Amino acid sequence: MNVINWTKKAKKQLAPIPRHDVEHIIDAVEFLANWPDVANVKALSDRDDYRLRVGRYRVFFTATPGDEVTVILIEEVKKRDERTY
């Protein structure tokens, strides 16, 4: 089991997110304790970071196998629809 750490920036980014989405994000991040056996994770090219998909949010983190996972950043993905050009 890995230890999960949150950066101050990542904790601060949770504040404006709706409560039900925050609950989903926290639940998904808790599964990172089983690193590297997790789903919806992609290694980022040219970096040592990873990305976890949680609905319309992306959680960026670093991981060291058997040691710790550090959540660095949380971003909302703004997808295009029929109203955008």
PDB file of N, CA and C in Angstrom:
ATOM      1  N   MET A   1       0.851  -1.189   0.000  1.00  0.00           N
ATOM      2  CA  MET A   1       0.000   0.000   0.000  1.00  0.00           C
ATOM      3  C   MET A   1       0.889   1.242   0.000  1.00  0.00           C
ATOM      4  N   ASN A   2       0.525   2.182  -0.826  1.00  0.00           N
ATOM      5  CA  ASN A   2       1.238   3.444  -0.919  1.00  0.00           C
ATOM      6  C   ASN A   2       0.599   4.488  -0.021  1.00  0.00           C
ATOM      7  N   VAL A   3       1.391   5.429   0.418  1.00  0.00           N
ATOM      8  CA  VAL A   3       0.897   6.578   1.175  1.00  0.00           C
ATOM      9  C   VAL A   3       0.509   7.645   0.164  1.00  0.00           C
ATOM     10  N   ILE A   4      -0.641   8.288   0.367  1.00  0.00           N
ATOM     11  CA  ILE A   4      -1.102   9.325  -0.543  1.00  0.00           C
ATOM     12  C   ILE A   4      -0.905  10.681   0.112  1.00  0.00           C
ATOM     13  N   ASN A   5      -0.154  11.557  -0.567  1.00  0.00           N
ATOM     14  CA  ASN A   5       0.090  12.923  -0.103  1.00  0.00           C
ATOM     15  C   ASN A   5      -0.569  13.898  -1.071  1.00  0.00           C
ATOM     16  N   TRP A   6      -1.041  15.002  -0.548  1.00  0.00           N
ATOM     17  CA  TRP A   6      -1.642  16.066  -1.354  1.00  0.00           C
ATOM     18  C   TRP A   6      -0.786  17.320  -1.220  1.00  0.00           C
ATOM     19  N   THR A   7      -0.493  17.977  -2.335  1.00  0.00           N
ATOM     20  CA  THR A   7       0.195  19.258  -2.255  1.00  0.00           C
ATOM     21  C   THR A   7      -0.811  20.313  -1.810  1.00  0.00           C
ATOM     22  N   LYS A   8      -0.308  21.430  -1.311  1.00  0.00           N
ATOM     23  CA  LYS A   8      -1.194  22.524  -0.887  1.00  0.00           C
ATOM     24  C   LYS A   8      -2.018  23.035  -2.063  1.00  0.00           C
ATOM     25  N   LYS A   9      -1.393  23.084  -3.228  1.00  0.00           N
ATOM     26  CA  LYS A   9      -2.081  23.562  -4.432  1.00  0.00           C
ATOM     27  C   LYS A   9      -3.257  22.654  -4.782  1.00  0.00           C
ATOM     28  N   ALA A  10      -3.051  21.336  -4.710  1.00  0.00           N
ATOM     29  CA  ALA A  10      -4.116  20.388  -5.033  1.00  0.00           C
ATOM     30  C   ALA A  10      -5.276  20.517  -4.041  1.00  0.00           C
ATOM     31  N   LYS A  11      -4.971  20.670  -2.756  1.00  0.00           N
ATOM     32  CA  LYS A  11      -6.027  20.847  -1.755  1.00  0.00           C
ATOM     33  C   LYS A  11      -6.807  22.124  -2.011  1.00  0.00           C
ATOM     34  N   LYS A  12      -6.103  23.171  -2.388  1.00  0.00           N
ATOM     35  CA  LYS A  12      -6.747  24.458  -2.660  1.00  0.00           C
ATOM     36  C   LYS A  12      -7.656  24.369  -3.891  1.00  0.00           C
ATOM     37  N   GLN A  13      -7.257  23.568  -4.875  1.00  0.00           N
ATOM     38  CA  GLN A  13      -8.048  23.430  -6.095  1.00  0.00           C
ATOM     39  C   GLN A  13      -9.343  22.657  -5.861  1.00  0.00           C
ATOM     40  N   LEU A  14      -9.457  21.919  -4.771  1.00  0.00           N
ATOM     41  CA  LEU A  14     -10.697  21.198  -4.456  1.00  0.00           C
ATOM     42  C   LEU A  14     -11.808  22.132  -3.986  1.00  0.00           C
ATOM     43  N   ALA A  15     -11.450  23.297  -3.440  1.00  0.00           N
ATOM     44  CA  ALA A  15     -12.426  24.201  -2.823  1.00  0.00           C
ATOM     45  C   ALA A  15     -13.574  24.628  -3.756  1.00  0.00           C
ATOM     46  N   PRO A  16     -13.298  25.084  -4.987  1.00  0.00           N
ATOM     47  CA  PRO A  16     -14.414  25.537  -5.833  1.00  0.00           C
ATOM     48  C   PRO A  16     -15.188  24.420  -6.543  1.00  0.00           C
ATOM     49  N   ILE A  17     -14.728  23.185  -6.414  1.00  0.00           N
ATOM     50  CA  ILE A  17     -15.375  22.061  -7.085  1.00  0.00           C
ATOM     51  C   ILE A  17     -16.602  21.640  -6.274  1.00  0.00           C
ATOM     52  N   PRO A  18     -17.733  21.348  -6.939  1.00  0.00           N
ATOM     53  CA  PRO A  18     -18.936  20.905  -6.213  1.00  0.00           C
ATOM     54  C   PRO A  18     -18.655  19.693  -5.330  1.00  0.00           C
ATOM     55  N   ARG A  19     -19.338  19.634  -4.189  1.00  0.00           N
ATOM     56  CA  ARG A  19     -19.085  18.617  -3.168  1.00  0.00           C
ATOM     57  C   ARG A  19     -19.170  17.189  -3.710  1.00  0.00           C
ATOM     58  N   HIS A  20     -20.195  16.889  -4.529  1.00  0.00           N
ATOM     59  CA  HIS A  20     -20.324  15.517  -5.021  1.00  0.00           C
ATOM     60  C   HIS A  20     -19.163  15.139  -5.941  1.00  0.00           C
ATOM     61  N   ASP A  21     -18.629  16.109  -6.693  1.00  0.00           N
ATOM     62  CA  ASP A  21     -17.461  15.830  -7.534  1.00  0.00           C
ATOM     63  C   ASP A  21     -16.211  15.636  -6.680  1.00  0.00           C
ATOM     64  N   VAL A  22     -16.093  16.408  -5.598  1.00  0.00           N
ATOM     65  CA  VAL A  22     -14.946  16.260  -4.701  1.00  0.00           C
ATOM     66  C   VAL A  22     -14.939  14.862  -4.089  1.00  0.00           C
ATOM     67  N   GLU A  23     -16.116  14.370  -3.719  1.00  0.00           N
ATOM     68  CA  GLU A  23     -16.210  13.027  -3.148  1.00  0.00           C
ATOM     69  C   GLU A  23     -15.736  11.976  -4.143  1.00  0.00           C
ATOM     70  N   HIS A  24     -16.109  12.130  -5.423  1.00  0.00           N
ATOM     71  CA  HIS A  24     -15.666  11.187  -6.458  1.00  0.00           C
ATOM     72  C   HIS A  24     -14.152  11.263  -6.648  1.00  0.00           C
ATOM     73  N   ILE A  25     -13.617  12.480  -6.629  1.00  0.00           N
ATOM     74  CA  ILE A  25     -12.174  12.655  -6.807  1.00  0.00           C
ATOM     75  C   ILE A  25     -11.418  12.000  -5.658  1.00  0.00           C
ATOM     76  N   ILE A  26     -11.859  12.238  -4.432  1.00  0.00           N
ATOM     77  CA  ILE A  26     -11.181  11.667  -3.266  1.00  0.00           C
ATOM     78  C   ILE A  26     -11.257  10.141  -3.283  1.00  0.00           C
ATOM     79  N   ASP A  27     -12.425   9.605  -3.655  1.00  0.00           N
ATOM     80  CA  ASP A  27     -12.560   8.145  -3.742  1.00  0.00           C
ATOM     81  C   ASP A  27     -11.608   7.562  -4.781  1.00  0.00           C
ATOM     82  N   ALA A  28     -11.498   8.233  -5.937  1.00  0.00           N
ATOM     83  CA  ALA A  28     -10.619   7.746  -6.997  1.00  0.00           C
ATOM     84  C   ALA A  28      -9.152   7.830  -6.565  1.00  0.00           C
ATOM     85  N   VAL A  29      -8.795   8.902  -5.875  1.00  0.00           N
ATOM     86  CA  VAL A  29      -7.415   9.067  -5.418  1.00  0.00           C
ATOM     87  C   VAL A  29      -7.068   8.011  -4.373  1.00  0.00           C
ATOM     88  N   GLU A  30      -8.029   7.611  -3.553  1.00  0.00           N
ATOM     89  CA  GLU A  30      -7.778   6.573  -2.558  1.00  0.00           C
ATOM     90  C   GLU A  30      -7.384   5.247  -3.206  1.00  0.00           C
ATOM     91  N   PHE A  31      -7.880   4.979  -4.412  1.00  0.00           N
ATOM     92  CA  PHE A  31      -7.500   3.758  -5.130  1.00  0.00           C
ATOM     93  C   PHE A  31      -6.039   3.791  -5.570  1.00  0.00           C
ATOM     94  N   LEU A  32      -5.430   4.990  -5.603  1.00  0.00           N
ATOM     95  CA  LEU A  32      -4.021   5.096  -5.979  1.00  0.00           C
ATOM     96  C   LEU A  32      -3.108   4.465  -4.935  1.00  0.00           C
ATOM     97  N   ALA A  33      -3.641   4.149  -3.766  1.00  0.00           N
ATOM     98  CA  ALA A  33      -2.847   3.459  -2.751  1.00  0.00           C
ATOM     99  C   ALA A  33      -2.424   2.077  -3.254  1.00  0.00           C
ATOM    100  N   ASN A  34      -3.135   1.547  -4.248  1.00  0.00           N
ATOM    101  CA  ASN A  34      -2.811   0.252  -4.836  1.00  0.00           C
ATOM    102  C   ASN A  34      -1.885   0.383  -6.037  1.00  0.00           C
ATOM    103  N   TRP A  35      -1.228   1.529  -6.179  1.00  0.00           N
ATOM    104  CA  TRP A  35      -0.373   1.774  -7.327  1.00  0.00           C
ATOM    105  C   TRP A  35       0.629   0.639  -7.490  1.00  0.00           C
ATOM    106  N   PRO A  36       0.856   0.094  -8.645  1.00  0.00           N
ATOM    107  CA  PRO A  36       0.468   0.510  -9.989  1.00  0.00           C
ATOM    108  C   PRO A  36      -0.767  -0.204 -10.539  1.00  0.00           C
ATOM    109  N   ASP A  37      -1.530  -0.901  -9.708  1.00  0.00           N
ATOM    110  CA  ASP A  37      -2.713  -1.627 -10.172  1.00  0.00           C
ATOM    111  C   ASP A  37      -3.966  -0.758 -10.101  1.00  0.00           C
ATOM    112  N   VAL A  38      -4.035   0.281 -10.941  1.00  0.00           N
ATOM    113  CA  VAL A  38      -5.191   1.177 -10.964  1.00  0.00           C
ATOM    114  C   VAL A  38      -5.625   1.410 -12.409  1.00  0.00           C
ATOM    115  N   ALA A  39      -6.895   1.776 -12.575  1.00  0.00           N
ATOM    116  CA  ALA A  39      -7.454   2.015 -13.912  1.00  0.00           C
ATOM    117  C   ALA A  39      -7.531   3.517 -14.187  1.00  0.00           C
ATOM    118  N   ASN A  40      -7.721   3.867 -15.452  1.00  0.00           N
ATOM    119  CA  ASN A  40      -7.875   5.241 -15.905  1.00  0.00           C
ATOM    120  C   ASN A  40      -6.649   6.105 -15.652  1.00  0.00           C
ATOM    121  N   VAL A  41      -5.478   5.494 -15.626  1.00  0.00           N
ATOM    122  CA  VAL A  41      -4.239   6.235 -15.408  1.00  0.00           C
ATOM    123  C   VAL A  41      -3.396   6.160 -16.670  1.00  0.00           C
ATOM    124  N   LYS A  42      -2.809   7.288 -17.030  1.00  0.00           N
ATOM    125  CA  LYS A  42      -1.953   7.341 -18.208  1.00  0.00           C
ATOM    126  C   LYS A  42      -0.659   8.054 -17.833  1.00  0.00           C
ATOM    127  N   ALA A  43       0.454   7.495 -18.256  1.00  0.00           N
ATOM    128  CA  ALA A  43       1.747   8.148 -18.058  1.00  0.00           C
ATOM    129  C   ALA A  43       1.859   9.299 -19.045  1.00  0.00           C
ATOM    130  N   LEU A  44       2.289  10.446 -18.575  1.00  0.00           N
ATOM    131  CA  LEU A  44       2.431  11.608 -19.444  1.00  0.00           C
ATOM    132  C   LEU A  44       3.768  11.530 -20.176  1.00  0.00           C
ATOM    133  N   SER A  45       3.750  11.883 -21.449  1.00  0.00           N
ATOM    134  CA  SER A  45       4.970  11.800 -22.238  1.00  0.00           C
ATOM    135  C   SER A  45       5.946  12.904 -21.835  1.00  0.00           C
ATOM    136  N   ASP A  46       7.215  12.577 -21.864  1.00  0.00           N
ATOM    137  CA  ASP A  46       8.306  13.500 -21.535  1.00  0.00           C
ATOM    138  C   ASP A  46       8.265  14.024 -20.102  1.00  0.00           C
ATOM    139  N   ARG A  47       7.546  13.337 -19.221  1.00  0.00           N
ATOM    140  CA  ARG A  47       7.464  13.740 -17.816  1.00  0.00           C
ATOM    141  C   ARG A  47       7.398  12.485 -16.955  1.00  0.00           C
ATOM    142  N   ASP A  48       7.610  12.654 -15.671  1.00  0.00           N
ATOM    143  CA  ASP A  48       7.515  11.528 -14.747  1.00  0.00           C
ATOM    144  C   ASP A  48       6.169  11.499 -14.044  1.00  0.00           C
ATOM    145  N   ASP A  49       5.229  12.317 -14.516  1.00  0.00           N
ATOM    146  CA  ASP A  49       3.910  12.418 -13.898  1.00  0.00           C
ATOM    147  C   ASP A  49       2.919  11.476 -14.566  1.00  0.00           C
ATOM    148  N   TYR A  50       1.790  11.297 -13.887  1.00  0.00           N
ATOM    149  CA  TYR A  50       0.692  10.481 -14.401  1.00  0.00           C
ATOM    150  C   TYR A  50      -0.596  11.279 -14.322  1.00  0.00           C
ATOM    151  N   ARG A  51      -1.602  10.832 -15.095  1.00  0.00           N
ATOM    152  CA  ARG A  51      -2.901  11.483 -15.103  1.00  0.00           C
ATOM    153  C   ARG A  51      -3.971  10.454 -14.776  1.00  0.00           C
ATOM    154  N   LEU A  52      -4.878  10.819 -13.882  1.00  0.00           N
ATOM    155  CA  LEU A  52      -6.008   9.975 -13.508  1.00  0.00           C
ATOM    156  C   LEU A  52      -7.277  10.675 -13.951  1.00  0.00           C
ATOM    157  N   ARG A  53      -8.136   9.971 -14.689  1.00  0.00           N
ATOM    158  CA  ARG A  53      -9.416  10.529 -15.109  1.00  0.00           C
ATOM    159  C   ARG A  53     -10.467  10.282 -14.046  1.00  0.00           C
ATOM    160  N   VAL A  54     -11.165  11.350 -13.672  1.00  0.00           N
ATOM    161  CA  VAL A  54     -12.280  11.252 -12.723  1.00  0.00           C
ATOM    162  C   VAL A  54     -13.392  12.134 -13.282  1.00  0.00           C
ATOM    163  N   GLY A  55     -14.269  11.539 -14.078  1.00  0.00           N
ATOM    164  CA  GLY A  55     -15.340  12.314 -14.697  1.00  0.00           C
ATOM    165  C   GLY A  55     -14.761  13.377 -15.608  1.00  0.00           C
ATOM    166  N   ARG A  56     -15.158  14.635 -15.375  1.00  0.00           N
ATOM    167  CA  ARG A  56     -14.643  15.723 -16.203  1.00  0.00           C
ATOM    168  C   ARG A  56     -13.415  16.383 -15.583  1.00  0.00           C
ATOM    169  N   TYR A  57     -12.830  15.752 -14.585  1.00  0.00           N
ATOM    170  CA  TYR A  57     -11.641  16.268 -13.925  1.00  0.00           C
ATOM    171  C   TYR A  57     -10.456  15.342 -14.185  1.00  0.00           C
ATOM    172  N   ARG A  58      -9.265  15.927 -14.149  1.00  0.00           N
ATOM    173  CA  ARG A  58      -8.036  15.172 -14.288  1.00  0.00           C
ATOM    174  C   ARG A  58      -7.178  15.448 -13.064  1.00  0.00           C
ATOM    175  N   VAL A  59      -6.684  14.381 -12.475  1.00  0.00           N
ATOM    176  CA  VAL A  59      -5.817  14.475 -11.309  1.00  0.00           C
ATOM    177  C   VAL A  59      -4.413  14.105 -11.761  1.00  0.00           C
ATOM    178  N   PHE A  60      -3.469  15.019 -11.588  1.00  0.00           N
ATOM    179  CA  PHE A  60      -2.087  14.781 -11.976  1.00  0.00           C
ATOM    180  C   PHE A  60      -1.289  14.438 -10.725  1.00  0.00           C
ATOM    181  N   PHE A  61      -0.466  13.387 -10.830  1.00  0.00           N
ATOM    182  CA  PHE A  61       0.270  12.931  -9.659  1.00  0.00           C
ATOM    183  C   PHE A  61       1.593  12.307 -10.053  1.00  0.00           C
ATOM    184  N   THR A  62       2.466  12.169  -9.060  1.00  0.00           N
ATOM    185  CA  THR A  62       3.705  11.425  -9.214  1.00  0.00           C
ATOM    186  C   THR A  62       3.613  10.201  -8.317  1.00  0.00           C
ATOM    187  N   ALA A  63       4.335   9.151  -8.681  1.00  0.00           N
ATOM    188  CA  ALA A  63       4.274   7.921  -7.901  1.00  0.00           C
ATOM    189  C   ALA A  63       5.630   7.243  -7.876  1.00  0.00           C
ATOM    190  N   THR A  64       5.928   6.700  -6.713  1.00  0.00           N
ATOM    191  CA  THR A  64       7.096   5.841  -6.571  1.00  0.00           C
ATOM    192  C   THR A  64       6.576   4.501  -6.070  1.00  0.00           C
ATOM    193  N   PRO A  65       6.751   3.422  -6.815  1.00  0.00           N
ATOM    194  CA  PRO A  65       6.175   2.125  -6.450  1.00  0.00           C
ATOM    195  C   PRO A  65       6.554   1.686  -5.035  1.00  0.00           C
ATOM    196  N   GLY A  66       5.554   1.277  -4.281  1.00  0.00           N
ATOM    197  CA  GLY A  66       5.772   0.770  -2.943  1.00  0.00           C
ATOM    198  C   GLY A  66       6.075   1.815  -1.902  1.00  0.00           C
ATOM    199  N   ASP A  67       5.983   3.095  -2.258  1.00  0.00           N
ATOM    200  CA  ASP A  67       6.367   4.134  -1.314  1.00  0.00           C
ATOM    201  C   ASP A  67       5.273   5.172  -1.133  1.00  0.00           C
ATOM    202  N   GLU A  68       5.142   6.100  -2.085  1.00  0.00           N
ATOM    203  CA  GLU A  68       4.135   7.149  -1.930  1.00  0.00           C
ATOM    204  C   GLU A  68       3.646   7.680  -3.267  1.00  0.00           C
ATOM    205  N   VAL A  69       2.440   8.231  -3.213  1.00  0.00           N
ATOM    206  CA  VAL A  69       1.807   8.886  -4.351  1.00  0.00           C
ATOM    207  C   VAL A  69       1.543  10.325  -3.923  1.00  0.00           C
ATOM    208  N   THR A  70       1.951  11.286  -4.750  1.00  0.00           N
ATOM    209  CA  THR A  70       1.749  12.693  -4.430  1.00  0.00           C
ATOM    210  C   THR A  70       0.844  13.327  -5.469  1.00  0.00           C
ATOM    211  N   VAL A  71      -0.324  13.807  -5.034  1.00  0.00           N
ATOM    212  CA  VAL A  71      -1.261  14.494  -5.916  1.00  0.00           C
ATOM    213  C   VAL A  71      -0.753  15.914  -6.091  1.00  0.00           C
ATOM    214  N   ILE A  72      -0.519  16.305  -7.351  1.00  0.00           N
ATOM    215  CA  ILE A  72       0.083  17.598  -7.647  1.00  0.00           C
ATOM    216  C   ILE A  72      -0.946  18.636  -8.058  1.00  0.00           C
ATOM    217  N   LEU A  73      -1.899  18.236  -8.900  1.00  0.00           N
ATOM    218  CA  LEU A  73      -2.745  19.204  -9.569  1.00  0.00           C
ATOM    219  C   LEU A  73      -4.078  18.572  -9.921  1.00  0.00           C
ATOM    220  N   ILE A  74      -5.148  19.372  -9.911  1.00  0.00           N
ATOM    221  CA  ILE A  74      -6.470  18.917 -10.349  1.00  0.00           C
ATOM    222  C   ILE A  74      -6.989  19.939 -11.347  1.00  0.00           C
ATOM    223  N   GLU A  75      -7.382  19.474 -12.518  1.00  0.00           N
ATOM    224  CA  GLU A  75      -7.883  20.366 -13.562  1.00  0.00           C
ATOM    225  C   GLU A  75      -9.221  19.875 -14.078  1.00  0.00           C
ATOM    226  N   GLU A  76     -10.076  20.831 -14.429  1.00  0.00           N
ATOM    227  CA  GLU A  76     -11.356  20.501 -15.065  1.00  0.00           C
ATOM    228  C   GLU A  76     -11.158  20.545 -16.570  1.00  0.00           C
ATOM    229  N   VAL A  77     -11.701  19.554 -17.262  1.00  0.00           N
ATOM    230  CA  VAL A  77     -11.608  19.496 -18.715  1.00  0.00           C
ATOM    231  C   VAL A  77     -12.850  20.156 -19.286  1.00  0.00           C
ATOM    232  N   LYS A  78     -12.640  21.189 -20.069  1.00  0.00           N
ATOM    233  CA  LYS A  78     -13.745  21.872 -20.729  1.00  0.00           C
ATOM    234  C   LYS A  78     -13.881  21.285 -22.119  1.00  0.00           C
ATOM    235  N   LYS A  79     -14.902  20.481 -22.315  1.00  0.00           N
ATOM    236  CA  LYS A  79     -15.075  19.818 -23.602  1.00  0.00           C
ATOM    237  C   LYS A  79     -15.926  20.675 -24.530  1.00  0.00           C
ATOM    238  N   ARG A  80     -15.651  20.526 -25.792  1.00  0.00           N
ATOM    239  CA  ARG A  80     -16.440  21.230 -26.796  1.00  0.00           C
ATOM    240  C   ARG A  80     -17.783  20.547 -27.000  1.00  0.00           C
ATOM    241  N   ASP A  81     -18.758  21.318 -27.385  1.00  0.00           N
ATOM    242  CA  ASP A  81     -20.063  20.769 -27.742  1.00  0.00           C
ATOM    243  C   ASP A  81     -20.576  21.500 -28.972  1.00  0.00           C
ATOM    244  N   GLU A  82     -21.844  21.325 -29.284  1.00  0.00           N
ATOM    245  CA  GLU A  82     -22.402  21.913 -30.502  1.00  0.00           C
ATOM    246  C   GLU A  82     -22.454  23.443 -30.458  1.00  0.00           C
ATOM    247  N   ARG A  83     -22.301  24.035 -29.276  1.00  0.00           N
ATOM    248  CA  ARG A  83     -22.357  25.495 -29.161  1.00  0.00           C
ATOM    249  C   ARG A  83     -20.993  26.156 -29.316  1.00  0.00           C
ATOM    250  N   THR A  84     -19.918  25.390 -29.222  1.00  0.00           N
ATOM    251  CA  THR A  84     -18.590  25.959 -29.401  1.00  0.00           C
ATOM    252  C   THR A  84     -18.174  25.818 -30.852  1.00  0.00           C
ATOM    253  N   TYR A  85     -17.299  26.670 -31.275  1.00  0.00           N
ATOM    254  CA  TYR A  85     -16.850  26.616 -32.659  1.00  0.00           C
ATOM    255  C   TYR A  85     -15.481  26.040 -32.775  1.00  0.00           C
TER     256      TYR A  85
END
